Protein backbone atom coordinates (compact mmCIF):
# COMPACT_ATOMS: atom_id res chain seq x y z
CA MET A 1 23.60 6.40 -17.19
CA THR A 2 23.87 3.97 -20.08
CA SER A 3 21.85 4.15 -23.28
CA ARG A 4 21.02 0.43 -23.26
CA PHE A 5 17.72 -0.68 -21.74
CA THR A 6 17.76 -3.41 -19.08
CA LYS A 7 14.67 -5.38 -18.07
CA SER A 8 13.73 -5.20 -14.41
CA ILE A 9 10.91 -6.48 -12.20
CA LEU A 10 9.55 -4.16 -9.52
CA ALA A 11 7.22 -5.26 -6.72
CA LEU A 12 4.71 -2.76 -5.35
CA GLY A 13 2.68 -3.04 -2.17
CA SER A 14 0.39 -0.83 -0.12
CA ASN A 15 -1.57 -1.37 3.10
CA LEU A 16 -2.39 2.19 4.21
CA GLY A 17 -4.70 4.78 2.75
CA GLU A 18 -6.34 4.38 -0.64
CA ARG A 19 -4.28 1.32 -1.56
CA ASN A 20 -5.81 0.87 -5.00
CA ASP A 21 -5.33 4.50 -6.00
CA THR A 22 -1.80 4.50 -4.61
CA LEU A 23 -0.74 1.49 -6.69
CA SER A 24 -2.36 2.83 -9.84
CA THR A 25 -0.73 6.24 -9.46
CA ALA A 26 2.62 4.73 -8.43
CA VAL A 27 2.81 2.69 -11.64
CA ALA A 28 2.30 5.87 -13.66
CA ASP A 29 4.85 7.74 -11.50
CA LEU A 30 7.46 4.99 -11.86
CA VAL A 31 7.34 5.07 -15.66
CA ASP A 32 7.00 8.84 -16.05
CA GLY A 33 10.11 9.68 -18.04
CA PRO A 34 12.18 8.48 -20.99
CA GLU A 35 14.51 6.36 -18.81
CA ILE A 36 11.82 3.77 -18.01
CA ARG A 37 9.43 1.93 -20.30
CA LEU A 38 6.54 -0.13 -18.97
CA LEU A 39 6.45 -3.67 -20.36
CA GLY A 40 3.61 -5.14 -18.31
CA VAL A 41 1.52 -5.05 -15.16
CA SER A 42 0.49 -8.07 -13.12
CA PRO A 43 -2.90 -8.68 -11.59
CA VAL A 44 -3.21 -7.40 -8.02
CA VAL A 45 -3.46 -9.74 -5.04
CA GLN A 46 -4.57 -9.02 -1.49
CA THR A 47 -2.55 -10.55 1.33
CA LYS A 48 -2.00 -10.46 5.04
CA ALA A 49 1.15 -8.63 6.11
CA VAL A 50 4.25 -10.84 6.24
CA GLY A 51 6.51 -9.96 9.16
CA GLY A 52 6.38 -6.69 11.05
CA PRO A 53 3.95 -5.67 13.78
CA ALA A 54 0.76 -7.69 14.32
CA GLY A 55 -2.61 -6.28 13.37
CA GLN A 56 -1.57 -4.50 10.17
CA PRO A 57 -4.17 -3.95 7.45
CA ASP A 58 -4.05 -6.27 4.44
CA PHE A 59 -1.72 -5.40 1.57
CA LEU A 60 -2.47 -5.02 -2.09
CA ASN A 61 0.53 -6.35 -4.04
CA MET A 62 1.55 -6.43 -7.68
CA VAL A 63 4.60 -6.48 -9.92
CA ILE A 64 5.48 -4.54 -13.02
CA ALA A 65 7.97 -5.37 -15.73
CA ILE A 66 9.98 -2.42 -17.01
CA GLU A 67 13.03 -1.71 -19.07
CA THR A 68 15.29 1.11 -18.04
CA THR A 69 18.49 2.94 -18.89
CA LEU A 70 18.95 3.81 -15.21
CA SER A 71 21.64 1.94 -13.30
CA PRO A 72 20.45 -0.31 -10.45
CA LEU A 73 21.29 2.36 -7.84
CA GLU A 74 19.65 5.11 -9.91
CA LEU A 75 16.55 2.93 -10.23
CA LEU A 76 16.55 2.36 -6.46
CA GLN A 77 16.76 6.12 -5.90
CA HIS A 78 13.87 6.65 -8.33
CA CYS A 79 11.77 4.02 -6.49
CA HIS A 80 12.48 5.78 -3.17
CA GLU A 81 11.45 9.13 -4.68
CA VAL A 82 8.14 7.63 -5.83
CA GLU A 83 7.63 6.13 -2.34
CA GLN A 84 8.24 9.57 -0.81
CA LYS A 85 5.78 11.15 -3.23
CA HIS A 86 3.21 8.73 -1.79
CA HIS A 87 4.13 9.65 1.81
CA ARG A 88 6.09 6.50 2.66
CA VAL A 89 7.30 6.53 6.28
CA ARG A 90 10.12 4.22 7.39
CA ASP A 91 9.56 4.07 11.16
CA VAL A 92 9.16 0.32 11.73
CA ARG A 93 10.81 -2.44 9.70
CA TRP A 94 8.10 -4.24 7.72
CA GLY A 95 5.53 -1.92 9.26
CA PRO A 96 2.44 -0.56 7.56
CA ARG A 97 3.10 1.72 4.61
CA THR A 98 1.36 3.71 1.93
CA LEU A 99 3.74 2.39 -0.72
CA ASP A 100 6.62 -0.05 -0.90
CA VAL A 101 8.56 -0.48 -4.15
CA ASP A 102 11.26 -3.14 -4.34
CA ILE A 103 13.59 -4.01 -7.20
CA ILE A 104 13.27 -7.78 -7.51
CA VAL A 105 15.61 -8.32 -10.46
CA TYR A 106 17.62 -6.02 -12.69
CA GLY A 107 18.59 -7.96 -15.80
CA ASP A 108 20.95 -10.71 -14.67
CA VAL A 109 22.83 -8.42 -12.31
CA THR A 110 23.76 -9.94 -8.98
CA SER A 111 24.86 -7.70 -6.15
CA ASP A 112 25.43 -8.18 -2.45
CA ASP A 113 25.93 -4.48 -1.82
CA GLU A 114 24.68 -3.13 1.53
CA THR A 115 22.54 -0.58 -0.34
CA LEU A 116 21.00 -2.94 -2.92
CA THR A 117 21.02 -6.72 -3.01
CA LEU A 118 20.05 -8.31 -6.33
CA PRO A 119 18.09 -10.37 -6.89
CA HIS A 120 15.98 -9.23 -3.94
CA PRO A 121 17.12 -11.41 -1.01
CA ARG A 122 13.65 -12.55 0.13
CA ALA A 123 11.74 -12.56 -3.18
CA ALA A 124 12.09 -16.34 -3.66
CA GLU A 125 10.13 -16.87 -0.40
CA ARG A 126 7.29 -14.38 -0.97
CA ALA A 127 4.22 -15.56 -2.86
CA PHE A 128 2.88 -12.00 -2.81
CA VAL A 129 5.74 -11.15 -5.20
CA LEU A 130 6.11 -14.47 -7.01
CA TYR A 131 2.47 -15.22 -7.79
CA PRO A 132 1.66 -11.89 -9.51
CA TRP A 133 4.99 -12.16 -11.35
CA ALA A 134 4.12 -15.67 -12.56
CA LEU A 135 0.74 -14.40 -13.79
CA LEU A 136 2.49 -11.60 -15.68
CA ASP A 137 5.22 -13.87 -17.09
CA PRO A 138 4.54 -17.62 -16.77
CA ALA A 139 8.03 -18.43 -18.09
CA ALA A 140 9.84 -16.29 -15.49
CA SER A 141 12.55 -17.79 -13.34
CA LEU A 142 14.43 -16.63 -10.27
CA ASN A 143 17.70 -18.16 -9.13
CA GLY A 144 17.23 -20.90 -11.73
CA GLU A 145 13.76 -21.94 -10.52
CA SER A 146 10.35 -21.32 -12.00
CA VAL A 147 8.70 -18.32 -10.35
CA ALA A 148 5.37 -20.19 -10.41
CA ASP A 149 6.91 -23.19 -8.61
CA LEU A 150 8.53 -20.94 -6.02
CA ALA A 151 5.18 -19.19 -5.44
CA ALA A 152 3.38 -22.49 -4.85
CA LYS A 153 5.98 -23.48 -2.22
CA ALA A 154 5.97 -20.14 -0.39
CA GLU A 155 4.51 -20.05 3.14
CA ASP A 156 2.21 -17.14 2.36
CA PHE A 157 0.74 -18.71 -0.82
CA PRO A 158 -2.46 -20.06 0.83
CA GLY A 159 -3.38 -16.55 2.03
CA LEU A 160 -3.36 -14.86 -1.39
CA ARG A 161 -6.66 -13.53 -2.71
CA PRO A 162 -7.35 -11.93 -6.09
CA PHE A 163 -8.20 -8.24 -5.99
CA ASP A 164 -10.46 -7.30 -8.88
CA GLY A 165 -10.89 -3.59 -8.23
CA PHE A 166 -7.52 -2.35 -9.48
CA ASP A 167 -7.72 0.88 -11.45
CA GLU A 168 -5.12 0.36 -14.13
CA PRO A 169 -3.35 3.41 -15.54
CA GLY A 170 -4.79 4.40 -18.91
CA THR A 171 -1.86 3.08 -20.93
CA ILE A 172 -2.24 -0.49 -19.72
CA ALA A 173 -4.43 -3.02 -21.47
CA ALA A 174 -6.57 -5.52 -19.58
CA THR A 175 -3.98 -8.23 -20.31
CA GLY A 176 -1.31 -6.26 -18.50
CA ALA A 177 0.59 -5.51 -21.69
CA VAL A 178 1.29 -2.00 -22.84
CA GLU A 179 -1.16 -0.90 -25.56
């Protein structure tokens, strides 16, 4: 573990159970410890499932900005532990799930490792990641392109709907910035 903090973007999604409660609790679980600091929380959007089996319930999706002293692989392990805490089951690829946490970017690290590809290999095509990220950070870019522009071009962009009922963890202001 290094002592230097690196900024990272995590995408969270849930389409099973108490989706709202799961996302709210997962944010708190992800930043519970000195190795991770919460920088901001995006608005939540509701979307149809992209890929996977037909007939899945709608997802609630959001992104959070963090800074961490964990390495990319340690952060991935931490994300998997939080998913397990929320009863994530990995039976069907892109199937329904209580919680999905993906590392979208980790600083400017690029990796094509079989365990962790950075930036996330499909993030540039997914409005359910890009749009909340653009709302959180309008100046954000991915692979040299504006995140907002990428969101507008994504196939799933027309299906996004705002979700106003998100129960934000107590440490997060209405603007998404840490109080």
